Amino acid sequence: MDYQVPQFIEVEDRIFGPLTLKQFIYIAGGVGISALLLVTLPLILALIIGTPIALLAAALAFYKINNKPFINILEAAFNYYVGKRLYLWKKEKEDTVTDLPTKVVSDDEAKSKTAGLTRTKLEELAWKLDVRDTEREQAPI
């Protein structure tokens, strides 16, 4: 039995002519508020207040930043200004005490500490570690 896989699921349906439902609601809200302002306020005051509302409605309906709707940008800006912020400063270096005596190690002491470790022993140890790692990788779980 064949099933059709839906495609283009990220594209919103055009309901009102070339507008999606969200775009239609934004435009209708902006026009409605602007019309209400024109009826209730004097013409000059209605134009001063109504113009930013109409521009906001148009931006909400059509403007995209980095292919994201303008409402997402407004939400992120609101959350940024309302939310808490974490400020990080460079920590000041703690005062180090330089008056402490330092232990001087002689060459003989240094050689005696590393005397048991030769280059061939180090290479052999590294090879054994590599073999163990490959055995672990190949071992069934």
C-alpha atoms as a PDB file:
ATOM      1  CA  MET A   1       0.000   0.000   0.000  1.00  0.00           C
ATOM      2  CA  ASP A   2       1.452   3.362  -1.024  1.00  0.00           C
ATOM      3  CA  TYR A   3       1.273   6.368   1.244  1.00  0.00           C
ATOM      4  CA  GLN A   4       1.830   9.936   0.215  1.00  0.00           C
ATOM      5  CA  VAL A   5       4.372  11.805   2.293  1.00  0.00           C
ATOM      6  CA  PRO A   6       3.379  15.429   2.938  1.00  0.00           C
ATOM      7  CA  GLN A   7       5.743  17.941   1.421  1.00  0.00           C
ATOM      8  CA  PHE A   8       6.186  21.673   1.952  1.00  0.00           C
ATOM      9  CA  ILE A   9       4.842  21.449   5.495  1.00  0.00           C
ATOM     10  CA  GLU A  10       6.754  24.573   6.541  1.00  0.00           C
ATOM     11  CA  VAL A  11       4.835  26.759   4.063  1.00  0.00           C
ATOM     12  CA  GLU A  12       1.722  28.320   5.562  1.00  0.00           C
ATOM     13  CA  ASP A  13      -1.526  28.091   3.627  1.00  0.00           C
ATOM     14  CA  ARG A  14      -2.787  31.209   1.860  1.00  0.00           C
ATOM     15  CA  ILE A  15      -6.307  31.692   3.151  1.00  0.00           C
ATOM     16  CA  PHE A  16      -7.224  35.308   2.347  1.00  0.00           C
ATOM     17  CA  GLY A  17      -5.931  35.860  -1.180  1.00  0.00           C
ATOM     18  CA  PRO A  18      -2.150  36.267  -1.010  1.00  0.00           C
ATOM     19  CA  LEU A  19      -2.200  36.494   2.818  1.00  0.00           C
ATOM     20  CA  THR A  20      -1.841  33.783   5.407  1.00  0.00           C
ATOM     21  CA  LEU A  21      -4.101  33.740   8.447  1.00  0.00           C
ATOM     22  CA  LYS A  22      -1.468  35.395  10.663  1.00  0.00           C
ATOM     23  CA  GLN A  23      -0.777  38.118   8.108  1.00  0.00           C
ATOM     24  CA  PHE A  24      -4.489  38.779   7.739  1.00  0.00           C
ATOM     25  CA  ILE A  25      -4.958  39.087  11.510  1.00  0.00           C
ATOM     26  CA  TYR A  26      -2.005  41.503  11.835  1.00  0.00           C
ATOM     27  CA  ILE A  27      -3.212  43.684   8.948  1.00  0.00           C
ATOM     28  CA  ALA A  28      -6.851  43.603  10.122  1.00  0.00           C
ATOM     29  CA  GLY A  29      -5.792  44.548  13.654  1.00  0.00           C
ATOM     30  CA  GLY A  30      -3.633  47.434  12.421  1.00  0.00           C
ATOM     31  CA  VAL A  31      -6.356  48.754  10.120  1.00  0.00           C
ATOM     32  CA  GLY A  32      -8.986  48.366  12.840  1.00  0.00           C
ATOM     33  CA  ILE A  33      -6.994  50.260  15.463  1.00  0.00           C
ATOM     34  CA  SER A  34      -6.083  52.976  12.947  1.00  0.00           C
ATOM     35  CA  ALA A  35      -9.734  53.360  11.915  1.00  0.00           C
ATOM     36  CA  LEU A  36     -10.794  53.537  15.572  1.00  0.00           C
ATOM     37  CA  LEU A  37      -8.206  56.264  16.180  1.00  0.00           C
ATOM     38  CA  LEU A  38      -9.404  58.229  13.122  1.00  0.00           C
ATOM     39  CA  VAL A  39     -12.995  58.148  14.359  1.00  0.00           C
ATOM     40  CA  THR A  40     -12.300  59.051  17.991  1.00  0.00           C
ATOM     41  CA  LEU A  41      -9.355  61.492  17.798  1.00  0.00           C
ATOM     42  CA  PRO A  42      -8.685  64.618  15.758  1.00  0.00           C
ATOM     43  CA  LEU A  43      -7.085  63.929  12.367  1.00  0.00           C
ATOM     44  CA  ILE A  44      -3.560  65.156  13.234  1.00  0.00           C
ATOM     45  CA  LEU A  45      -3.398  63.245  16.509  1.00  0.00           C
ATOM     46  CA  ALA A  46      -4.867  60.112  14.890  1.00  0.00           C
ATOM     47  CA  LEU A  47      -2.208  60.233  12.152  1.00  0.00           C
ATOM     48  CA  ILE A  48       0.617  60.724  14.675  1.00  0.00           C
ATOM     49  CA  ILE A  49      -0.516  57.768  16.799  1.00  0.00           C
ATOM     50  CA  GLY A  50      -1.883  55.606  13.972  1.00  0.00           C
ATOM     51  CA  THR A  51       1.189  55.691  11.726  1.00  0.00           C
ATOM     52  CA  PRO A  52       3.474  53.717  14.101  1.00  0.00           C
ATOM     53  CA  ILE A  53       0.648  51.236  14.734  1.00  0.00           C
ATOM     54  CA  ALA A  54       0.139  50.715  10.996  1.00  0.00           C
ATOM     55  CA  LEU A  55       3.905  50.321  10.470  1.00  0.00           C
ATOM     56  CA  LEU A  56       4.097  47.774  13.283  1.00  0.00           C
ATOM     57  CA  ALA A  57       1.192  45.814  11.793  1.00  0.00           C
ATOM     58  CA  ALA A  58       2.850  45.829   8.367  1.00  0.00           C
ATOM     59  CA  ALA A  59       6.186  44.736   9.879  1.00  0.00           C
ATOM     60  CA  LEU A  60       4.505  41.923  11.802  1.00  0.00           C
ATOM     61  CA  ALA A  61       2.774  40.732   8.649  1.00  0.00           C
ATOM     62  CA  PHE A  62       5.545  40.996   6.057  1.00  0.00           C
ATOM     63  CA  TYR A  63       8.996  41.863   7.464  1.00  0.00           C
ATOM     64  CA  LYS A  64      11.504  39.056   8.089  1.00  0.00           C
ATOM     65  CA  ILE A  65      14.987  39.240   9.591  1.00  0.00           C
ATOM     66  CA  ASN A  66      17.314  36.354   8.744  1.00  0.00           C
ATOM     67  CA  ASN A  67      14.301  34.498   7.385  1.00  0.00           C
ATOM     68  CA  LYS A  68      12.540  34.685  10.769  1.00  0.00           C
ATOM     69  CA  PRO A  69       9.231  36.488  11.312  1.00  0.00           C
ATOM     70  CA  PHE A  70       9.358  39.898  12.974  1.00  0.00           C
ATOM     71  CA  ILE A  71       7.229  38.668  15.889  1.00  0.00           C
ATOM     72  CA  ASN A  72      10.035  36.259  16.868  1.00  0.00           C
ATOM     73  CA  ILE A  73      12.506  39.148  16.913  1.00  0.00           C
ATOM     74  CA  LEU A  74      10.158  41.221  19.088  1.00  0.00           C
ATOM     75  CA  GLU A  75       9.707  38.306  21.479  1.00  0.00           C
ATOM     76  CA  ALA A  76      13.469  37.779  21.764  1.00  0.00           C
ATOM     77  CA  ALA A  77      14.036  41.510  22.374  1.00  0.00           C
ATOM     78  CA  PHE A  78      11.334  41.596  25.048  1.00  0.00           C
ATOM     79  CA  ASN A  79      12.757  38.531  26.806  1.00  0.00           C
ATOM     80  CA  TYR A  80      16.229  40.075  26.664  1.00  0.00           C
ATOM     81  CA  TYR A  81      15.167  43.374  28.234  1.00  0.00           C
ATOM     82  CA  VAL A  82      12.936  41.766  30.873  1.00  0.00           C
ATOM     83  CA  GLY A  83      15.117  38.767  31.734  1.00  0.00           C
ATOM     84  CA  LYS A  84      18.145  38.622  33.957  1.00  0.00           C
ATOM     85  CA  ARG A  85      21.578  39.016  32.465  1.00  0.00           C
ATOM     86  CA  LEU A  86      24.823  37.431  33.533  1.00  0.00           C
ATOM     87  CA  TYR A  87      27.803  39.746  33.450  1.00  0.00           C
ATOM     88  CA  LEU A  88      31.281  38.259  33.593  1.00  0.00           C
ATOM     89  CA  TRP A  89      34.341  40.267  34.421  1.00  0.00           C
ATOM     90  CA  LYS A  90      37.967  39.314  34.256  1.00  0.00           C
ATOM     91  CA  LYS A  91      39.105  38.082  37.606  1.00  0.00           C
ATOM     92  CA  GLU A  92      42.000  39.913  39.102  1.00  0.00           C
ATOM     93  CA  LYS A  93      45.077  37.838  39.613  1.00  0.00           C
ATOM     94  CA  GLU A  94      45.571  36.810  43.183  1.00  0.00           C
ATOM     95  CA  ASP A  95      48.633  38.192  44.850  1.00  0.00           C
ATOM     96  CA  THR A  96      51.300  35.542  44.751  1.00  0.00           C
ATOM     97  CA  VAL A  97      53.795  35.338  47.536  1.00  0.00           C
ATOM     98  CA  THR A  98      57.304  35.451  46.135  1.00  0.00           C
ATOM     99  CA  ASP A  99      59.081  35.424  49.491  1.00  0.00           C
ATOM    100  CA  LEU A 100      58.746  31.653  49.901  1.00  0.00           C
ATOM    101  CA  PRO A 101      61.969  29.735  49.475  1.00  0.00           C
ATOM    102  CA  THR A 102      62.057  27.452  46.483  1.00  0.00           C
ATOM    103  CA  LYS A 103      63.562  24.017  46.608  1.00  0.00           C
ATOM    104  CA  VAL A 104      66.545  23.663  44.369  1.00  0.00           C
ATOM    105  CA  VAL A 105      66.883  20.205  42.868  1.00  0.00           C
ATOM    106  CA  SER A 106      70.344  19.153  41.863  1.00  0.00           C
ATOM    107  CA  ASP A 107      71.056  17.361  38.603  1.00  0.00           C
ATOM    108  CA  ASP A 108      71.879  14.152  40.462  1.00  0.00           C
ATOM    109  CA  GLU A 109      68.458  14.097  42.187  1.00  0.00           C
ATOM    110  CA  ALA A 110      66.661  14.715  38.912  1.00  0.00           C
ATOM    111  CA  LYS A 111      68.585  11.938  37.207  1.00  0.00           C
ATOM    112  CA  SER A 112      67.876   9.505  40.036  1.00  0.00           C
ATOM    113  CA  LYS A 113      64.121  10.154  39.776  1.00  0.00           C
ATOM    114  CA  THR A 114      64.069   9.415  36.040  1.00  0.00           C
ATOM    115  CA  ALA A 115      66.857   6.832  36.029  1.00  0.00           C
ATOM    116  CA  GLY A 116      64.480   3.879  35.951  1.00  0.00           C
ATOM    117  CA  LEU A 117      62.740   5.274  32.864  1.00  0.00           C
ATOM    118  CA  THR A 118      64.660   4.997  29.622  1.00  0.00           C
ATOM    119  CA  ARG A 119      63.567   5.799  26.124  1.00  0.00           C
ATOM    120  CA  THR A 120      63.075   2.163  25.191  1.00  0.00           C
ATOM    121  CA  LYS A 121      60.955   1.538  28.290  1.00  0.00           C
ATOM    122  CA  LEU A 122      58.802   4.533  27.442  1.00  0.00           C
ATOM    123  CA  GLU A 123      58.322   3.311  23.866  1.00  0.00           C
ATOM    124  CA  GLU A 124      57.463  -0.163  25.113  1.00  0.00           C
ATOM    125  CA  LEU A 125      54.929   1.236  27.599  1.00  0.00           C
ATOM    126  CA  ALA A 126      53.330   3.404  24.895  1.00  0.00           C
ATOM    127  CA  TRP A 127      53.085   0.392  22.571  1.00  0.00           C
ATOM    128  CA  LYS A 128      51.396  -1.681  25.296  1.00  0.00           C
ATOM    129  CA  LEU A 129      48.873   1.067  25.926  1.00  0.00           C
ATOM    130  CA  ASP A 130      48.103   1.287  22.212  1.00  0.00           C
ATOM    131  CA  VAL A 131      47.573  -2.461  22.016  1.00  0.00           C
ATOM    132  CA  ARG A 132      45.211  -2.412  24.992  1.00  0.00           C
ATOM    133  CA  ASP A 133      43.174   0.399  23.439  1.00  0.00           C
ATOM    134  CA  THR A 134      42.781  -1.494  20.150  1.00  0.00           C
ATOM    135  CA  GLU A 135      41.793  -4.657  22.056  1.00  0.00           C
ATOM    136  CA  ARG A 136      39.086  -2.712  23.879  1.00  0.00           C
ATOM    137  CA  GLU A 137      37.743  -1.283  20.633  1.00  0.00           C
ATOM    138  CA  GLN A 138      37.581  -4.726  19.018  1.00  0.00           C
ATOM    139  CA  ALA A 139      36.078  -6.503  22.041  1.00  0.00           C
ATOM    140  CA  PRO A 140      32.361  -7.331  21.653  1.00  0.00           C
ATOM    141  CA  ILE A 141      30.021  -5.541  23.969  1.00  0.00           C
END
